[in-house]
N, C-alpha and C. Protein backbone atom coordinates (compact mmCIF):
# COMPACT_ATOMS: atom_id res chain seq x y z
N VAL A 1 96.71 -120.62 47.39
CA VAL A 1 97.93 -120.93 46.67
C VAL A 1 99.07 -120.96 47.67
N ALA A 2 99.87 -122.00 47.57
CA ALA A 2 101.03 -122.16 48.45
C ALA A 2 102.31 -122.13 47.60
N ARG A 3 103.42 -121.85 48.24
CA ARG A 3 104.71 -121.78 47.52
C ARG A 3 104.98 -123.06 46.73
N ASP A 4 104.59 -124.19 47.29
CA ASP A 4 104.76 -125.49 46.63
C ASP A 4 104.03 -125.57 45.29
N ASP A 5 102.93 -124.85 45.18
CA ASP A 5 102.13 -124.89 43.95
C ASP A 5 102.92 -124.42 42.74
N PHE A 6 103.91 -123.58 42.95
CA PHE A 6 104.72 -123.08 41.85
C PHE A 6 105.65 -124.15 41.27
N HIS A 7 105.73 -125.29 41.96
CA HIS A 7 106.47 -126.45 41.47
C HIS A 7 105.52 -127.57 41.05
N ARG A 8 104.36 -127.63 41.68
CA ARG A 8 103.40 -128.70 41.41
C ARG A 8 102.61 -128.48 40.13
N PHE A 9 102.40 -127.21 39.75
CA PHE A 9 101.57 -126.89 38.59
C PHE A 9 102.39 -126.22 37.50
N ASP A 10 101.97 -126.38 36.27
CA ASP A 10 102.64 -125.73 35.14
C ASP A 10 102.17 -124.29 34.97
N HIS A 11 100.93 -124.03 35.33
CA HIS A 11 100.34 -122.70 35.14
C HIS A 11 99.60 -122.27 36.40
N ILE A 12 99.74 -121.01 36.75
CA ILE A 12 98.95 -120.39 37.80
C ILE A 12 98.37 -119.12 37.18
N VAL A 13 97.07 -118.99 37.29
CA VAL A 13 96.36 -117.93 36.58
C VAL A 13 95.68 -117.00 37.59
N ALA A 14 95.92 -115.71 37.43
CA ALA A 14 95.32 -114.69 38.29
C ALA A 14 94.22 -113.95 37.53
N MET A 15 93.29 -113.36 38.27
CA MET A 15 92.19 -112.63 37.66
C MET A 15 92.50 -111.15 37.48
N ASP A 16 93.40 -110.61 38.32
CA ASP A 16 93.70 -109.18 38.21
C ASP A 16 95.15 -108.90 38.61
N HIS A 17 95.56 -107.65 38.43
CA HIS A 17 96.96 -107.28 38.68
C HIS A 17 97.35 -107.43 40.16
N ASP A 18 96.43 -107.11 41.07
CA ASP A 18 96.74 -107.26 42.50
C ASP A 18 97.00 -108.71 42.85
N ASN A 19 96.14 -109.61 42.36
CA ASN A 19 96.34 -111.04 42.63
C ASN A 19 97.65 -111.53 42.02
N ARG A 20 97.95 -111.08 40.80
CA ARG A 20 99.19 -111.51 40.15
C ARG A 20 100.40 -111.01 40.92
N ARG A 21 100.33 -109.76 41.40
CA ARG A 21 101.43 -109.19 42.18
C ARG A 21 101.62 -110.00 43.47
N THR A 22 100.54 -110.35 44.13
CA THR A 22 100.62 -111.16 45.35
C THR A 22 101.24 -112.52 45.05
N LEU A 23 100.80 -113.13 43.95
CA LEU A 23 101.35 -114.44 43.56
C LEU A 23 102.83 -114.34 43.23
N ARG A 24 103.23 -113.29 42.54
CA ARG A 24 104.67 -113.11 42.25
C ARG A 24 105.49 -113.02 43.53
N GLY A 25 104.94 -112.35 44.53
CA GLY A 25 105.63 -112.24 45.81
C GLY A 25 105.72 -113.57 46.54
N LEU A 26 104.78 -114.43 46.30
CA LEU A 26 104.75 -115.75 46.93
C LEU A 26 105.63 -116.77 46.21
N ALA A 27 105.85 -116.56 44.92
CA ALA A 27 106.58 -117.53 44.10
C ALA A 27 108.05 -117.60 44.50
N PRO A 28 108.55 -118.82 44.69
CA PRO A 28 109.98 -118.98 44.96
C PRO A 28 110.79 -118.61 43.71
N ALA A 29 112.04 -118.22 43.92
CA ALA A 29 112.89 -117.79 42.80
C ALA A 29 113.02 -118.87 41.74
N GLU A 30 113.01 -120.12 42.13
CA GLU A 30 113.19 -121.23 41.19
C GLU A 30 111.86 -121.82 40.72
N ALA A 31 110.79 -121.04 40.81
CA ALA A 31 109.47 -121.51 40.41
C ALA A 31 109.46 -121.95 38.95
N SER A 32 108.76 -123.04 38.69
CA SER A 32 108.66 -123.53 37.31
C SER A 32 107.32 -123.21 36.67
N ALA A 33 106.33 -122.82 37.46
CA ALA A 33 105.00 -122.51 36.93
C ALA A 33 105.02 -121.17 36.18
N THR A 34 104.23 -121.11 35.13
CA THR A 34 104.03 -119.87 34.39
C THR A 34 102.88 -119.12 35.04
N LEU A 35 103.09 -117.85 35.34
CA LEU A 35 102.08 -117.02 35.97
C LEU A 35 101.50 -116.08 34.92
N SER A 36 100.17 -116.02 34.83
CA SER A 36 99.53 -115.18 33.83
C SER A 36 98.22 -114.64 34.36
N LEU A 37 97.68 -113.67 33.64
CA LEU A 37 96.31 -113.22 33.87
C LEU A 37 95.39 -114.10 33.04
N LEU A 38 94.20 -114.36 33.51
CA LEU A 38 93.28 -115.20 32.77
C LEU A 38 93.02 -114.64 31.38
N LEU A 39 92.82 -113.33 31.27
CA LEU A 39 92.49 -112.77 29.97
C LEU A 39 93.69 -112.70 29.02
N ASP A 40 94.88 -113.00 29.50
CA ASP A 40 96.04 -113.14 28.60
C ASP A 40 95.81 -114.28 27.61
N HIS A 41 94.92 -115.18 27.95
CA HIS A 41 94.66 -116.35 27.12
C HIS A 41 93.52 -116.13 26.12
N LEU A 42 92.94 -114.94 26.14
CA LEU A 42 91.84 -114.61 25.23
C LEU A 42 92.35 -113.59 24.23
N PRO A 43 92.53 -113.99 22.96
CA PRO A 43 93.08 -113.07 21.96
C PRO A 43 92.33 -111.73 21.94
N GLY A 44 93.13 -110.67 21.95
CA GLY A 44 92.59 -109.32 21.95
C GLY A 44 92.33 -108.75 23.32
N ARG A 45 92.44 -109.58 24.37
CA ARG A 45 92.18 -109.11 25.74
C ARG A 45 93.41 -109.23 26.63
N GLU A 46 94.57 -109.52 26.03
CA GLU A 46 95.80 -109.72 26.78
C GLU A 46 96.09 -108.49 27.66
N GLY A 47 96.52 -108.77 28.89
CA GLY A 47 96.88 -107.71 29.83
C GLY A 47 95.69 -107.11 30.57
N GLU A 48 94.48 -107.47 30.17
CA GLU A 48 93.29 -106.95 30.85
C GLU A 48 92.95 -107.81 32.06
N VAL A 49 92.21 -107.23 32.97
CA VAL A 49 91.82 -107.94 34.18
C VAL A 49 90.34 -108.30 34.12
N VAL A 50 89.98 -109.29 34.92
CA VAL A 50 88.58 -109.64 35.10
C VAL A 50 88.07 -108.77 36.25
N HIS A 51 87.15 -107.88 35.95
CA HIS A 51 86.61 -106.99 36.97
C HIS A 51 85.58 -107.71 37.82
N ASP A 52 85.61 -107.45 39.11
CA ASP A 52 84.69 -108.06 40.05
C ASP A 52 83.31 -107.43 39.88
N PRO A 53 82.31 -108.22 39.54
CA PRO A 53 80.97 -107.66 39.30
C PRO A 53 80.13 -107.53 40.57
N TYR A 54 80.72 -107.74 41.74
CA TYR A 54 79.97 -107.85 42.98
C TYR A 54 79.00 -106.69 43.21
N TYR A 55 79.43 -105.48 42.96
CA TYR A 55 78.57 -104.32 43.22
C TYR A 55 77.77 -103.91 41.99
N GLY A 56 77.77 -104.74 40.98
CA GLY A 56 77.05 -104.43 39.76
C GLY A 56 75.66 -105.03 39.72
N VAL A 57 75.16 -105.09 38.52
CA VAL A 57 73.83 -105.66 38.27
C VAL A 57 74.00 -107.02 37.60
N ASP A 58 72.89 -107.72 37.39
CA ASP A 58 72.93 -109.06 36.81
C ASP A 58 73.70 -109.10 35.49
N THR A 59 73.54 -108.10 34.66
CA THR A 59 74.23 -108.11 33.36
C THR A 59 75.74 -108.03 33.53
N ASP A 60 76.21 -107.40 34.61
CA ASP A 60 77.66 -107.37 34.88
C ASP A 60 78.18 -108.77 35.17
N PHE A 61 77.43 -109.54 35.94
CA PHE A 61 77.82 -110.92 36.23
C PHE A 61 77.82 -111.75 34.96
N GLU A 62 76.85 -111.55 34.11
CA GLU A 62 76.76 -112.30 32.85
C GLU A 62 77.93 -111.95 31.93
N ARG A 63 78.27 -110.67 31.86
CA ARG A 63 79.40 -110.24 31.02
C ARG A 63 80.71 -110.86 31.52
N VAL A 64 80.92 -110.82 32.83
CA VAL A 64 82.14 -111.39 33.41
C VAL A 64 82.17 -112.89 33.18
N TRP A 65 81.04 -113.56 33.34
CA TRP A 65 81.00 -115.01 33.12
C TRP A 65 81.37 -115.34 31.67
N ARG A 66 80.86 -114.58 30.71
CA ARG A 66 81.20 -114.84 29.30
C ARG A 66 82.70 -114.68 29.06
N LEU A 67 83.30 -113.64 29.65
CA LEU A 67 84.75 -113.43 29.51
C LEU A 67 85.54 -114.59 30.11
N VAL A 68 85.19 -114.96 31.34
CA VAL A 68 85.90 -116.03 32.05
C VAL A 68 85.75 -117.35 31.29
N ASP A 69 84.54 -117.63 30.82
CA ASP A 69 84.28 -118.86 30.08
C ASP A 69 85.10 -118.90 28.79
N ALA A 70 85.11 -117.79 28.06
CA ALA A 70 85.86 -117.74 26.79
C ALA A 70 87.36 -117.88 27.03
N ALA A 71 87.88 -117.20 28.03
CA ALA A 71 89.31 -117.28 28.33
C ALA A 71 89.71 -118.67 28.80
N ALA A 72 88.88 -119.27 29.64
CA ALA A 72 89.17 -120.63 30.11
C ALA A 72 89.15 -121.63 28.96
N GLU A 73 88.23 -121.45 28.04
CA GLU A 73 88.18 -122.34 26.88
C GLU A 73 89.44 -122.20 26.02
N GLN A 74 89.87 -120.97 25.81
CA GLN A 74 91.10 -120.75 25.03
C GLN A 74 92.30 -121.37 25.73
N LEU A 75 92.38 -121.20 27.05
CA LEU A 75 93.47 -121.80 27.81
C LEU A 75 93.43 -123.31 27.70
N MET A 76 92.24 -123.88 27.79
CA MET A 76 92.11 -125.34 27.67
C MET A 76 92.65 -125.82 26.32
N TRP A 77 92.29 -125.11 25.24
CA TRP A 77 92.74 -125.52 23.91
C TRP A 77 94.25 -125.41 23.77
N ARG A 78 94.84 -124.39 24.39
CA ARG A 78 96.31 -124.24 24.35
C ARG A 78 97.00 -125.36 25.10
N LEU A 79 96.39 -125.79 26.19
CA LEU A 79 97.00 -126.83 27.00
C LEU A 79 96.83 -128.21 26.40
N LYS A 80 95.80 -128.38 25.58
CA LYS A 80 95.58 -129.67 24.93
C LYS A 80 96.68 -129.90 23.98
């Protein structure tokens, strides 16, 4: 993500609070993009983060994939 992206895109989506904090620090004061967490777009999961399943088991990856897929679908419908 580059500073220019905050003008080129309408939405920038982060997976967790650390990423969102980093993106906020990168955003220019006059940024036009809306910054959100991915799960903000999934009703009932607003404010939650997508946990990294890297050190988990296969079912952790599957659970995270279902969350990401559902949130992305909701975001797509909102943008349509």
